[in-house]
Amino acid sequence: ALLTTFNECDLSAVKRLREQYQDSFVKRHGVKLGFMSFFV
């Protein structure tokens, strides 16, 4: 019995974090900080 509900979210804070820490994140872990990890 499938039903879908919707909402929306503001990605401003996540985008700021990615911009602020992307270079250091890549340097330390060797992979980019994407949006999917936040949603997981």
Full PDB file with SEQRES, HELIX, SHEET, SSBOND, CRYST1, ORIGX, SCALE, CONECT and MASTER records, all heavy atoms in Angstrom:
SEQRES   1 A   40  ALA LEU LEU THR THR PHE ASN GLU CYS ASP LEU SER ALA          
SEQRES   2 A   40  VAL LYS ARG LEU ARG GLU GLN TYR GLN ASP SER PHE VAL          
SEQRES   3 A   40  LYS ARG HIS GLY VAL LYS LEU GLY PHE MET SER PHE PHE          
SEQRES   4 A   40  VAL                                                          
HELIX    1 AA1 SER A   12  HIS A   29  1                                  18    
HELIX    2 AA2 MET A   36  PHE A   39  1                                   4    
CRYST1    1.000    1.000    1.000  90.00  90.00  90.00 P 1           1          
ORIGX1      1.000000  0.000000  0.000000        0.00000                         
ORIGX2      0.000000  1.000000  0.000000        0.00000                         
ORIGX3      0.000000  0.000000  1.000000        0.00000                         
SCALE1      1.000000  0.000000  0.000000        0.00000                         
SCALE2      0.000000  1.000000  0.000000        0.00000                         
SCALE3      0.000000  0.000000  1.000000        0.00000                         
ATOM      1  N   ALA A   1       0.866  -1.182   0.000  1.00  0.00           N  
ATOM      2  CA  ALA A   1       0.000   0.000   0.000  1.00  0.00           C  
ATOM      3  C   ALA A   1       0.904   1.234   0.000  1.00  0.00           C  
ATOM      4  O   ALA A   1       1.227   1.796   1.050  1.00  0.00           O  
ATOM      5  CB  ALA A   1      -0.904  -0.011   1.229  1.00  0.00           C  
ATOM      6  N   LEU A   2       1.342   1.638  -1.181  1.00  0.00           N  
ATOM      7  CA  LEU A   2       2.341   2.691  -1.299  1.00  0.00           C  
ATOM      8  C   LEU A   2       1.709   4.077  -1.271  1.00  0.00           C  
ATOM      9  O   LEU A   2       0.681   4.324  -1.892  1.00  0.00           O  
ATOM     10  CB  LEU A   2       3.144   2.514  -2.595  1.00  0.00           C  
ATOM     11  CG  LEU A   2       3.924   1.205  -2.737  1.00  0.00           C  
ATOM     12  CD1 LEU A   2       4.720   1.203  -4.028  1.00  0.00           C  
ATOM     13  CD2 LEU A   2       4.839   0.988  -1.541  1.00  0.00           C  
ATOM     14  N   LEU A   3       2.375   4.951  -0.548  1.00  0.00           N  
ATOM     15  CA  LEU A   3       1.948   6.343  -0.457  1.00  0.00           C  
ATOM     16  C   LEU A   3       3.209   7.192  -0.390  1.00  0.00           C  
ATOM     17  O   LEU A   3       4.233   6.760   0.151  1.00  0.00           O  
ATOM     18  CB  LEU A   3       1.104   6.559   0.798  1.00  0.00           C  
ATOM     19  CG  LEU A   3       0.395   7.913   0.950  1.00  0.00           C  
ATOM     20  CD1 LEU A   3      -0.625   8.100  -0.166  1.00  0.00           C  
ATOM     21  CD2 LEU A   3      -0.294   7.994   2.306  1.00  0.00           C  
ATOM     22  N   THR A   4       3.163   8.384  -0.977  1.00  0.00           N  
ATOM     23  CA  THR A   4       4.326   9.267  -0.991  1.00  0.00           C  
ATOM     24  C   THR A   4       3.990  10.586  -0.313  1.00  0.00           C  
ATOM     25  O   THR A   4       2.932  11.175  -0.560  1.00  0.00           O  
ATOM     26  CB  THR A   4       4.796   9.542  -2.430  1.00  0.00           C  
ATOM     27  OG1 THR A   4       5.073   8.310  -3.092  1.00  0.00           O  
ATOM     28  CG2 THR A   4       6.057  10.395  -2.426  1.00  0.00           C  
ATOM     29  N   THR A   5       4.895  11.046   0.567  1.00  0.00           N  
ATOM     30  CA  THR A   5       4.757  12.354   1.190  1.00  0.00           C  
ATOM     31  C   THR A   5       5.963  13.197   0.808  1.00  0.00           C  
ATOM     32  O   THR A   5       7.058  12.663   0.564  1.00  0.00           O  
ATOM     33  CB  THR A   5       4.658  12.230   2.726  1.00  0.00           C  
ATOM     34  OG1 THR A   5       4.431  13.523   3.289  1.00  0.00           O  
ATOM     35  CG2 THR A   5       5.925  11.644   3.327  1.00  0.00           C  
ATOM     36  N   PHE A   6       5.787  14.504   0.719  1.00  0.00           N  
ATOM     37  CA  PHE A   6       6.830  15.395   0.220  1.00  0.00           C  
ATOM     38  C   PHE A   6       7.177  16.463   1.255  1.00  0.00           C  
ATOM     39  O   PHE A   6       6.373  16.826   2.110  1.00  0.00           O  
ATOM     40  CB  PHE A   6       6.375  16.089  -1.069  1.00  0.00           C  
ATOM     41  CG  PHE A   6       5.989  15.148  -2.168  1.00  0.00           C  
ATOM     42  CD1 PHE A   6       4.662  14.777  -2.343  1.00  0.00           C  
ATOM     43  CD2 PHE A   6       6.937  14.619  -3.023  1.00  0.00           C  
ATOM     44  CE1 PHE A   6       4.291  13.912  -3.347  1.00  0.00           C  
ATOM     45  CE2 PHE A   6       6.585  13.748  -4.031  1.00  0.00           C  
ATOM     46  CZ  PHE A   6       5.263  13.384  -4.204  1.00  0.00           C  
ATOM     47  N   ASN A   7       8.384  16.956   1.133  1.00  0.00           N  
ATOM     48  CA  ASN A   7       8.835  18.081   1.944  1.00  0.00           C  
ATOM     49  C   ASN A   7       9.947  18.771   1.167  1.00  0.00           C  
ATOM     50  O   ASN A   7      10.282  18.338   0.054  1.00  0.00           O  
ATOM     51  CB  ASN A   7       9.327  17.623   3.324  1.00  0.00           C  
ATOM     52  CG  ASN A   7       9.123  18.678   4.399  1.00  0.00           C  
ATOM     53  OD1 ASN A   7       9.356  19.869   4.170  1.00  0.00           O  
ATOM     54  ND2 ASN A   7       8.687  18.247   5.575  1.00  0.00           N  
ATOM     55  N   GLU A   8      10.527  19.788   1.727  1.00  0.00           N  
ATOM     56  CA  GLU A   8      11.644  20.458   1.091  1.00  0.00           C  
ATOM     57  C   GLU A   8      12.664  20.816   2.152  1.00  0.00           C  
ATOM     58  O   GLU A   8      12.342  20.885   3.347  1.00  0.00           O  
ATOM     59  CB  GLU A   8      11.199  21.718   0.345  1.00  0.00           C  
ATOM     60  CG  GLU A   8      10.591  22.783   1.233  1.00  0.00           C  
ATOM     61  CD  GLU A   8      10.168  24.019   0.460  1.00  0.00           C  
ATOM     62  OE1 GLU A   8      10.428  24.088  -0.757  1.00  0.00           O  
ATOM     63  OE2 GLU A   8       9.581  24.924   1.080  1.00  0.00           O  
ATOM     64  N   CYS A   9      13.894  21.026   1.732  1.00  0.00           N  
ATOM     65  CA  CYS A   9      14.917  21.402   2.692  1.00  0.00           C  
ATOM     66  C   CYS A   9      15.861  22.421   2.068  1.00  0.00           C  
ATOM     67  O   CYS A   9      16.065  22.451   0.853  1.00  0.00           O  
ATOM     68  CB  CYS A   9      15.687  20.181   3.204  1.00  0.00           C  
ATOM     69  SG  CYS A   9      16.594  19.286   1.935  1.00  0.00           S  
ATOM     70  N   ASP A  10      16.420  23.240   2.935  1.00  0.00           N  
ATOM     71  CA  ASP A  10      17.351  24.295   2.553  1.00  0.00           C  
ATOM     72  C   ASP A  10      18.765  23.739   2.690  1.00  0.00           C  
ATOM     73  O   ASP A  10      19.179  23.333   3.779  1.00  0.00           O  
ATOM     74  CB  ASP A  10      17.127  25.502   3.477  1.00  0.00           C  
ATOM     75  CG  ASP A  10      18.023  26.677   3.126  1.00  0.00           C  
ATOM     76  OD1 ASP A  10      18.928  26.532   2.286  1.00  0.00           O  
ATOM     77  OD2 ASP A  10      17.802  27.758   3.702  1.00  0.00           O  
ATOM     78  N   LEU A  11      19.516  23.719   1.595  1.00  0.00           N  
ATOM     79  CA  LEU A  11      20.860  23.141   1.597  1.00  0.00           C  
ATOM     80  C   LEU A  11      21.949  24.160   1.913  1.00  0.00           C  
ATOM     81  O   LEU A  11      23.136  23.853   1.760  1.00  0.00           O  
ATOM     82  CB  LEU A  11      21.147  22.504   0.235  1.00  0.00           C  
ATOM     83  CG  LEU A  11      20.729  21.045  -0.008  1.00  0.00           C  
ATOM     84  CD1 LEU A  11      21.527  20.097   0.862  1.00  0.00           C  
ATOM     85  CD2 LEU A  11      19.252  20.854   0.180  1.00  0.00           C  
ATOM     86  N   SER A  12      21.575  25.345   2.371  1.00  0.00           N  
ATOM     87  CA  SER A  12      22.565  26.404   2.608  1.00  0.00           C  
ATOM     88  C   SER A  12      23.655  25.974   3.581  1.00  0.00           C  
ATOM     89  O   SER A  12      24.853  26.159   3.325  1.00  0.00           O  
ATOM     90  CB  SER A  12      21.870  27.674   3.134  1.00  0.00           C  
ATOM     91  OG  SER A  12      20.971  28.190   2.187  1.00  0.00           O  
ATOM     92  N   ALA A  13      23.262  25.408   4.711  1.00  0.00           N  
ATOM     93  CA  ALA A  13      24.239  25.037   5.734  1.00  0.00           C  
ATOM     94  C   ALA A  13      25.169  23.942   5.238  1.00  0.00           C  
ATOM     95  O   ALA A  13      26.387  23.988   5.462  1.00  0.00           O  
ATOM     96  CB  ALA A  13      23.513  24.594   6.999  1.00  0.00           C  
ATOM     97  N   VAL A  14      24.605  22.940   4.550  1.00  0.00           N  
ATOM     98  CA  VAL A  14      25.437  21.855   4.022  1.00  0.00           C  
ATOM     99  C   VAL A  14      26.403  22.380   2.965  1.00  0.00           C  
ATOM    100  O   VAL A  14      27.580  21.996   2.934  1.00  0.00           O  
ATOM    101  CB  VAL A  14      24.545  20.739   3.438  1.00  0.00           C  
ATOM    102  CG1 VAL A  14      25.390  19.724   2.681  1.00  0.00           C  
ATOM    103  CG2 VAL A  14      23.766  20.045   4.549  1.00  0.00           C  
ATOM    104  N   LYS A  15      25.942  23.277   2.113  1.00  0.00           N  
ATOM    105  CA  LYS A  15      26.823  23.838   1.091  1.00  0.00           C  
ATOM    106  C   LYS A  15      27.957  24.642   1.719  1.00  0.00           C  
ATOM    107  O   LYS A  15      29.102  24.578   1.260  1.00  0.00           O  
ATOM    108  CB  LYS A  15      26.024  24.719   0.126  1.00  0.00           C  
ATOM    109  CG  LYS A  15      25.056  23.947  -0.768  1.00  0.00           C  
ATOM    110  CD  LYS A  15      24.463  24.819  -1.845  1.00  0.00           C  
ATOM    111  CE  LYS A  15      25.501  25.199  -2.893  1.00  0.00           C  
ATOM    112  NZ  LYS A  15      24.905  25.931  -4.025  1.00  0.00           N  
ATOM    113  N   ARG A  16      27.656  25.384   2.791  1.00  0.00           N  
ATOM    114  CA  ARG A  16      28.708  26.146   3.465  1.00  0.00           C  
ATOM    115  C   ARG A  16      29.752  25.218   4.072  1.00  0.00           C  
ATOM    116  O   ARG A  16      30.970  25.479   3.978  1.00  0.00           O  
ATOM    117  CB  ARG A  16      28.103  27.036   4.561  1.00  0.00           C  
ATOM    118  CG  ARG A  16      27.400  28.278   4.032  1.00  0.00           C  
ATOM    119  CD  ARG A  16      27.161  29.273   5.160  1.00  0.00           C  
ATOM    120  NE  ARG A  16      26.281  28.715   6.174  1.00  0.00           N  
ATOM    121  CZ  ARG A  16      24.963  28.848   6.172  1.00  0.00           C  
ATOM    122  NH1 ARG A  16      24.366  29.505   5.182  1.00  0.00           N  
ATOM    123  NH2 ARG A  16      24.226  28.340   7.138  1.00  0.00           N  
ATOM    124  N   LEU A  17      29.298  24.148   4.698  1.00  0.00           N  
ATOM    125  CA  LEU A  17      30.239  23.187   5.288  1.00  0.00           C  
ATOM    126  C   LEU A  17      31.126  22.556   4.222  1.00  0.00           C  
ATOM    127  O   LEU A  17      32.337  22.396   4.415  1.00  0.00           O  
ATOM    128  CB  LEU A  17      29.467  22.103   6.041  1.00  0.00           C  
ATOM    129  CG  LEU A  17      28.900  22.482   7.415  1.00  0.00           C  
ATOM    130  CD1 LEU A  17      28.064  21.339   7.967  1.00  0.00           C  
ATOM    131  CD2 LEU A  17      30.031  22.824   8.376  1.00  0.00           C  
ATOM    132  N   ARG A  18      30.519  22.210   3.102  1.00  0.00           N  
ATOM    133  CA  ARG A  18      31.300  21.599   2.025  1.00  0.00           C  
ATOM    134  C   ARG A  18      32.340  22.576   1.473  1.00  0.00           C  
ATOM    135  O   ARG A  18      33.483  22.207   1.222  1.00  0.00           O  
ATOM    136  CB  ARG A  18      30.377  21.113   0.902  1.00  0.00           C  
ATOM    137  CG  ARG A  18      29.489  19.953   1.303  1.00  0.00           C  
ATOM    138  CD  ARG A  18      28.626  19.498   0.158  1.00  0.00           C  
ATOM    139  NE  ARG A  18      29.407  18.855  -0.876  1.00  0.00           N  
ATOM    140  CZ  ARG A  18      29.464  19.247  -2.149  1.00  0.00           C  
ATOM    141  NH1 ARG A  18      28.792  20.312  -2.541  1.00  0.00           N  
ATOM    142  NH2 ARG A  18      30.200  18.586  -3.022  1.00  0.00           N  
ATOM    143  N   GLU A  19      31.937  23.810   1.291  1.00  0.00           N  
ATOM    144  CA  GLU A  19      32.878  24.812   0.778  1.00  0.00           C  
ATOM    145  C   GLU A  19      33.993  25.099   1.777  1.00  0.00           C  
ATOM    146  O   GLU A  19      35.156  25.273   1.403  1.00  0.00           O  
ATOM    147  CB  GLU A  19      32.121  26.100   0.450  1.00  0.00           C  
ATOM    148  CG  GLU A  19      31.169  25.963  -0.730  1.00  0.00           C  
ATOM    149  CD  GLU A  19      30.285  27.191  -0.902  1.00  0.00           C  
ATOM    150  OE1 GLU A  19      30.422  28.129  -0.079  1.00  0.00           O  
ATOM    151  OE2 GLU A  19      29.461  27.207  -1.838  1.00  0.00           O  
ATOM    152  N   GLN A  20      33.650  25.104   3.058  1.00  0.00           N  
ATOM    153  CA  GLN A  20      34.630  25.439   4.089  1.00  0.00           C  
ATOM    154  C   GLN A  20      35.654  24.325   4.305  1.00  0.00           C  
ATOM    155  O   GLN A  20      36.839  24.591   4.514  1.00  0.00           O  
ATOM    156  CB  GLN A  20      33.909  25.742   5.398  1.00  0.00           C  
ATOM    157  CG  GLN A  20      34.842  26.159   6.542  1.00  0.00           C  
ATOM    158  CD  GLN A  20      34.069  26.541   7.796  1.00  0.00           C  
ATOM    159  OE1 GLN A  20      32.835  26.563   7.810  1.00  0.00           O  
ATOM    160  NE2 GLN A  20      34.795  26.843   8.865  1.00  0.00           N  
ATOM    161  N   TYR A  21      35.184  23.069   4.256  1.00  0.00           N  
ATOM    162  CA  TYR A  21      36.069  21.961   4.615  1.00  0.00           C  
ATOM    163  C   TYR A  21      36.426  21.028   3.464  1.00  0.00           C  
ATOM    164  O   TYR A  21      37.101  20.019   3.686  1.00  0.00           O  
ATOM    165  CB  TYR A  21      35.414  21.142   5.744  1.00  0.00           C  
ATOM    166  CG  TYR A  21      35.236  21.907   7.023  1.00  0.00           C  
ATOM    167  CD1 TYR A  21      33.970  22.341   7.415  1.00  0.00           C  
ATOM    168  CD2 TYR A  21      36.322  22.213   7.835  1.00  0.00           C  
ATOM    169  CE1 TYR A  21      33.793  23.051   8.592  1.00  0.00           C  
ATOM    170  CE2 TYR A  21      36.161  22.925   9.013  1.00  0.00           C  
ATOM    171  CZ  TYR A  21      34.894  23.340   9.386  1.00  0.00           C  
ATOM    172  OH  TYR A  21      34.733  24.046  10.552  1.00  0.00           O  
ATOM    173  N   GLN A  22      36.003  21.349   2.248  1.00  0.00           N  
ATOM    174  CA  GLN A  22      36.231  20.431   1.127  1.00  0.00           C  
ATOM    175  C   GLN A  22      37.705  20.130   0.913  1.00  0.00           C  
ATOM    176  O   GLN A  22      38.107  18.967   0.787  1.00  0.00           O  
ATOM    177  CB  GLN A  22      35.615  20.996  -0.151  1.00  0.00           C  
ATOM    178  CG  GLN A  22      35.651  20.045  -1.345  1.00  0.00           C  
ATOM    179  CD  GLN A  22      34.728  18.869  -1.151  1.00  0.00           C  
ATOM    180  OE1 GLN A  22      35.135  17.842  -0.595  1.00  0.00           O  
ATOM    181  NE2 GLN A  22      33.482  19.006  -1.594  1.00  0.00           N  
ATOM    182  N   ASP A  23      38.531  21.155   0.856  1.00  0.00           N  
ATOM    183  CA  ASP A  23      39.958  20.947   0.569  1.00  0.00           C  
ATOM    184  C   ASP A  23      40.622  20.099   1.644  1.00  0.00           C  
ATOM    185  O   ASP A  23      41.373  19.155   1.342  1.00  0.00           O  
ATOM    186  CB  ASP A  23      40.675  22.293   0.443  1.00  0.00           C  
ATOM    187  CG  ASP A  23      40.253  23.063  -0.801  1.00  0.00           C  
ATOM    188  OD1 ASP A  23      39.689  22.426  -1.719  1.00  0.00           O  
ATOM    189  OD2 ASP A  23      40.496  24.278  -0.859  1.00  0.00           O  
ATOM    190  N   SER A  24      40.376  20.418   2.913  1.00  0.00           N  
ATOM    191  CA  SER A  24      40.986  19.648   4.004  1.00  0.00           C  
ATOM    192  C   SER A  24      40.428  18.234   4.055  1.00  0.00           C  
ATOM    193  O   SER A  24      41.147  17.281   4.386  1.00  0.00           O  
ATOM    194  CB  SER A  24      40.769  20.355   5.344  1.00  0.00           C  
ATOM    195  OG  SER A  24      39.397  20.582   5.588  1.00  0.00           O  
ATOM    196  N   PHE A  25      39.146  18.078   3.705  1.00  0.00           N  
ATOM    197  CA  PHE A  25      38.529  16.748   3.695  1.00  0.00           C  
ATOM    198  C   PHE A  25      39.187  15.877   2.621  1.00  0.00           C  
ATOM    199  O   PHE A  25      39.544  14.720   2.872  1.00  0.00           O  
ATOM    200  CB  PHE A  25      37.029  16.878   3.425  1.00  0.00           C  
ATOM    201  CG  PHE A  25      36.248  15.612   3.622  1.00  0.00           C  
ATOM    202  CD1 PHE A  25      35.708  15.291   4.859  1.00  0.00           C  
ATOM    203  CD2 PHE A  25      36.046  14.733   2.563  1.00  0.00           C  
ATOM    204  CE1 PHE A  25      34.977  14.125   5.047  1.00  0.00           C  
ATOM    205  CE2 PHE A  25      35.324  13.567   2.734  1.00  0.00           C  
ATOM    206  CZ  PHE A  25      34.787  13.261   3.979  1.00  0.00           C  
ATOM    207  N   VAL A  26      39.358  16.439   1.432  1.00  0.00           N  
ATOM    208  CA  VAL A  26      39.990  15.693   0.336  1.00  0.00           C  
ATOM    209  C   VAL A  26      41.440  15.368   0.673  1.00  0.00           C  
ATOM    210  O   VAL A  26      41.919  14.252   0.431  1.00  0.00           O  
ATOM    211  CB  VAL A  26      39.919  16.496  -0.975  1.00  0.00           C  
ATOM    212  CG1 VAL A  26      40.752  15.821  -2.065  1.00  0.00           C  
ATOM    213  CG2 VAL A  26      38.479  16.639  -1.435  1.00  0.00           C  
ATOM    214  N   LYS A  27      42.130  16.340   1.247  1.00  0.00           N  
ATOM    215  CA  LYS A  27      43.544  16.129   1.598  1.00  0.00           C  
ATOM    216  C   LYS A  27      43.702  15.013   2.616  1.00  0.00           C  
ATOM    217  O   LYS A  27      44.630  14.198   2.528  1.00  0.00           O  
ATOM    218  CB  LYS A  27      44.129  17.430   2.143  1.00  0.00           C  
ATOM    219  CG  LYS A  27      45.618  17.340   2.457  1.00  0.00           C  
ATOM    220  CD  LYS A  27      46.152  18.684   2.914  1.00  0.00           C  
ATOM    221  CE  LYS A  27      47.639  18.593   3.236  1.00  0.00           C  
ATOM    222  NZ  LYS A  27      48.184  19.915   3.690  1.00  0.00           N  
ATOM    223  N   ARG A  28      42.803  14.945   3.560  1.00  0.00           N  
ATOM    224  CA  ARG A  28      42.925  13.949   4.623  1.00  0.00           C  
ATOM    225  C   ARG A  28      42.387  12.586   4.221  1.00  0.00           C  
ATOM    226  O   ARG A  28      42.972  11.549   4.558  1.00  0.00           O  
ATOM    227  CB  ARG A  28      42.184  14.430   5.875  1.00  0.00           C  
ATOM    228  CG  ARG A  28      42.254  13.440   7.025  1.00  0.00           C  
ATOM    229  CD  ARG A  28      41.779  14.050   8.313  1.00  0.00           C  
ATOM    230  NE  ARG A  28      41.919  13.129   9.434  1.00  0.00           N  
ATOM    231  CZ  ARG A  28      41.651  13.426  10.695  1.00  0.00           C  
ATOM    232  NH1 ARG A  28      41.270  14.660  11.015  1.00  0.00           N  
ATOM    233  NH2 ARG A  28      41.785  12.521  11.647  1.00  0.00           N  
ATOM    234  N   HIS A  29      41.272  12.562   3.474  1.00  0.00           N  
ATOM    235  CA  HIS A  29      40.604  11.291   3.198  1.00  0.00           C  
ATOM    236  C   HIS A  29      40.723  10.822   1.756  1.00  0.00           C  
ATOM    237  O   HIS A  29      40.366   9.681   1.446  1.00  0.00           O  
ATOM    238  CB  HIS A  29      39.120  11.396   3.568  1.00  0.00           C  
ATOM    239  CG  HIS A  29      38.881  11.747   5.002  1.00  0.00           C  
ATOM    240  ND1 HIS A  29      39.191  10.898   6.046  1.00  0.00           N  
ATOM    241  CD2 HIS A  29      38.361  12.866   5.578  1.00  0.00           C  
ATOM    242  CE1 HIS A  29      38.870  11.464   7.201  1.00  0.00           C  
ATOM    243  NE2 HIS A  29      38.364  12.668   6.938  1.00  0.00           N  
ATOM    244  N   GLY A  30      41.158  11.702   0.851  1.00  0.00           N  
ATOM    245  CA  GLY A  30      41.334  11.286  -0.533  1.00  0.00           C  
ATOM    246  C   GLY A  30      40.045  11.126  -1.303  1.00  0.00           C  
ATOM    247  O   GLY A  30      40.007  10.455  -2.332  1.00  0.00           O  
ATOM    248  N   VAL A  31      38.968  11.721  -0.820  1.00  0.00           N  
ATOM    249  CA  VAL A  31      37.671  11.644  -1.488  1.00  0.00           C  
ATOM    250  C   VAL A  31      36.915  12.932  -1.195  1.00  0.00           C  
ATOM    251  O   VAL A  31      37.134  13.558  -0.150  1.00  0.00           O  
ATOM    252  CB  VAL A  31      36.863  10.420  -1.002  1.00  0.00           C  
ATOM    253  CG1 VAL A  31      36.507  10.551   0.471  1.00  0.00           C  
ATOM    254  CG2 VAL A  31      35.629  10.204  -1.845  1.00  0.00           C  
ATOM    255  N   LYS A  32      36.058  13.360  -2.130  1.00  0.00           N  
ATOM    256  CA  LYS A  32      35.304  14.592  -1.929  1.00  0.00           C  
ATOM    257  C   LYS A  32      34.166  14.392  -0.937  1.00  0.00           C  
ATOM    258  O   LYS A  32      33.604  13.301  -0.824  1.00  0.00           O  
ATOM    259  CB  LYS A  32      34.739  15.086  -3.256  1.00  0.00           C  
ATOM    260  CG  LYS A  32      35.779  15.683  -4.186  1.00  0.00           C  
ATOM    261  CD  LYS A  32      35.117  16.291  -5.412  1.00  0.00           C  
ATOM    262  CE  LYS A  32      36.142  16.978  -6.292  1.00  0.00           C  
ATOM    263  NZ  LYS A  32      35.518  17.624  -7.481  1.00  0.00           N  
ATOM    264  N   LEU A  33      33.848  15.468  -0.236  1.00  0.00           N  
ATOM    265  CA  LEU A  33      32.697  15.476   0.667  1.00  0.00           C  
ATOM    266  C   LEU A  33      31.464  15.825  -0.156  1.00  0.00           C  
ATOM    267  O   LEU A  33      31.317  16.953  -0.631  1.00  0.00           O  
ATOM    268  CB  LEU A  33      32.895  16.502   1.787  1.00  0.00           C  
ATOM    269  CG  LEU A  33      31.734  16.687   2.774  1.00  0.00           C  
ATOM    270  CD1 LEU A  33      31.433  15.386   3.499  1.00  0.00           C  
ATOM    271  CD2 LEU A  33      32.064  17.801   3.773  1.00  0.00           C  
ATOM    272  N   GLY A  34      30.595  14.863  -0.361  1.00  0.00           N  
ATOM    273  CA  GLY A  34      29.413  15.067  -1.188  1.00  0.00           C  
ATOM    274  C   GLY A  34      28.169  15.306  -0.348  1.00  0.00           C  
ATOM    275  O   GLY A  34      28.215  15.370   0.887  1.00  0.00           O  
ATOM    276  N   PHE A  35      27.040  15.429  -1.032  1.00  0.00           N  
ATOM    277  CA  PHE A  35      25.766  15.620  -0.337  1.00  0.00           C  
ATOM    278  C   PHE A  35      25.228  14.304   0.219  1.00  0.00           C  
ATOM    279  O   PHE A  35      24.537  14.291   1.240  1.00  0.00           O  
ATOM    280  CB  PHE A  35      24.725  16.222  -1.288  1.00  0.00           C  
ATOM    281  CG  PHE A  35      25.009  17.641  -1.673  1.00  0.00           C  
ATOM    282  CD1 PHE A  35      25.562  17.951  -2.904  1.00  0.00           C  
ATOM    283  CD2 PHE A  35      24.724  18.677  -0.801  1.00  0.00           C  
ATOM    284  CE1 PHE A  35      25.823  19.265  -3.261  1.00  0.00           C  
ATOM    285  CE2 PHE A  35      24.983  20.003  -1.137  1.00  0.00           C  
ATOM    286  CZ  PHE A  35      25.536  20.288  -2.374  1.00  0.00           C  
ATOM    287  N   MET A  36      25.545  13.194  -0.450  1.00  0.00           N  
ATOM    288  CA  MET A  36      24.930  11.927  -0.071  1.00  0.00           C  
ATOM    289  C   MET A  36      25.277  11.510   1.349  1.00  0.00           C  
ATOM    290  O   MET A  36      24.435  10.948   2.059  1.00  0.00           O  
ATOM    291  CB  MET A  36      25.331  10.833  -1.062  1.00  0.00           C  
ATOM    292  CG  MET A  36      24.655   9.485  -0.822  1.00  0.00           C  
ATOM    293  SD  MET A  36      22.854   9.576  -0.934  1.00  0.00           S  
ATOM    294  CE  MET A  36      22.670   9.536  -2.719  1.00  0.00           C  
ATOM    295  N   SER A  37      26.510  11.770   1.793  1.00  0.00           N  
ATOM    296  CA  SER A  37      26.878  11.357   3.152  1.00  0.00           C  
ATOM    297  C   SER A  37      26.031  12.076   4.188  1.00  0.00           C  
ATOM    298  O   SER A  37      25.678  11.506   5.232  1.00  0.00           O  
ATOM    299  CB  SER A  37      28.367  11.612   3.402  1.00  0.00           C  
ATOM    300  OG  SER A  37      28.706  12.960   3.138  1.00  0.00           O  
ATOM    301  N   PHE A  38      25.663  13.329   3.930  1.00  0.00           N  
ATOM    302  CA  PHE A  38      24.793  14.054   4.862  1.00  0.00           C  
ATOM    303  C   PHE A  38      23.416  13.399   4.918  1.00  0.00           C  
ATOM    304  O   PHE A  38      22.823  13.275   5.992  1.00  0.00           O  
ATOM    305  CB  PHE A  38      24.661  15.518   4.431  1.00  0.00           C  
ATOM    306  CG  PHE A  38      25.878  16.345   4.696  1.00  0.00           C  
ATOM    307  CD1 PHE A  38      26.854  16.505   3.734  1.00  0.00           C  
ATOM    308  CD2 PHE A  38      26.061  16.972   5.931  1.00  0.00           C  
ATOM    309  CE1 PHE A  38      27.982  17.275   3.971  1.00  0.00           C  
ATOM    310  CE2 PHE A  38      27.188  17.745   6.189  1.00  0.00           C  
ATOM    311  CZ  PHE A  38      28.157  17.893   5.199  1.00  0.00           C  
ATOM    312  N   PHE A  39      22.923  12.984   3.761  1.00  0.00           N  
ATOM    313  CA  PHE A  39      21.583  12.375   3.742  1.00  0.00           C  
ATOM    314  C   PHE A  39      21.604  10.968   4.348  1.00  0.00           C  
ATOM    315  O   PHE A  39      20.627  10.554   4.966  1.00  0.00           O  
ATOM    316  CB  PHE A  39      21.039  12.358   2.317  1.00  0.00           C  
ATOM    317  CG  PHE A  39      20.457  13.677   1.893  1.00  0.00           C  
ATOM    318  CD1 PHE A  39      21.244  14.621   1.262  1.00  0.00           C  
ATOM    319  CD2 PHE A  39      19.133  13.992   2.169  1.00  0.00           C  
ATOM    320  CE1 PHE A  39      20.721  15.853   0.891  1.00  0.00           C  
ATOM    321  CE2 PHE A  39      18.596  15.219   1.811  1.00  0.00           C  
ATOM    322  CZ  PHE A  39      19.398  16.160   1.168  1.00  0.00           C  
ATOM    323  N   VAL A  40      22.695  10.244   4.164  1.00  0.00           N  
ATOM    324  CA  VAL A  40      22.804   8.939   4.816  1.00  0.00           C  
ATOM    325  C   VAL A  40      22.775   9.125   6.335  1.00  0.00           C  
ATOM    326  O   VAL A  40      22.063   8.409   7.057  1.00  0.00           O  
ATOM    327  CB  VAL A  40      24.089   8.213   4.384  1.00  0.00           C  
ATOM    328  CG1 VAL A  40      24.336   6.979   5.261  1.00  0.00           C  
ATOM    329  CG2 VAL A  40      24.007   7.800   2.919  1.00  0.00           C  
TER     330      VAL A  40                                                      
MASTER        0    0    0    2    0    0    0    6  329    1    0    4          
END                                                                             
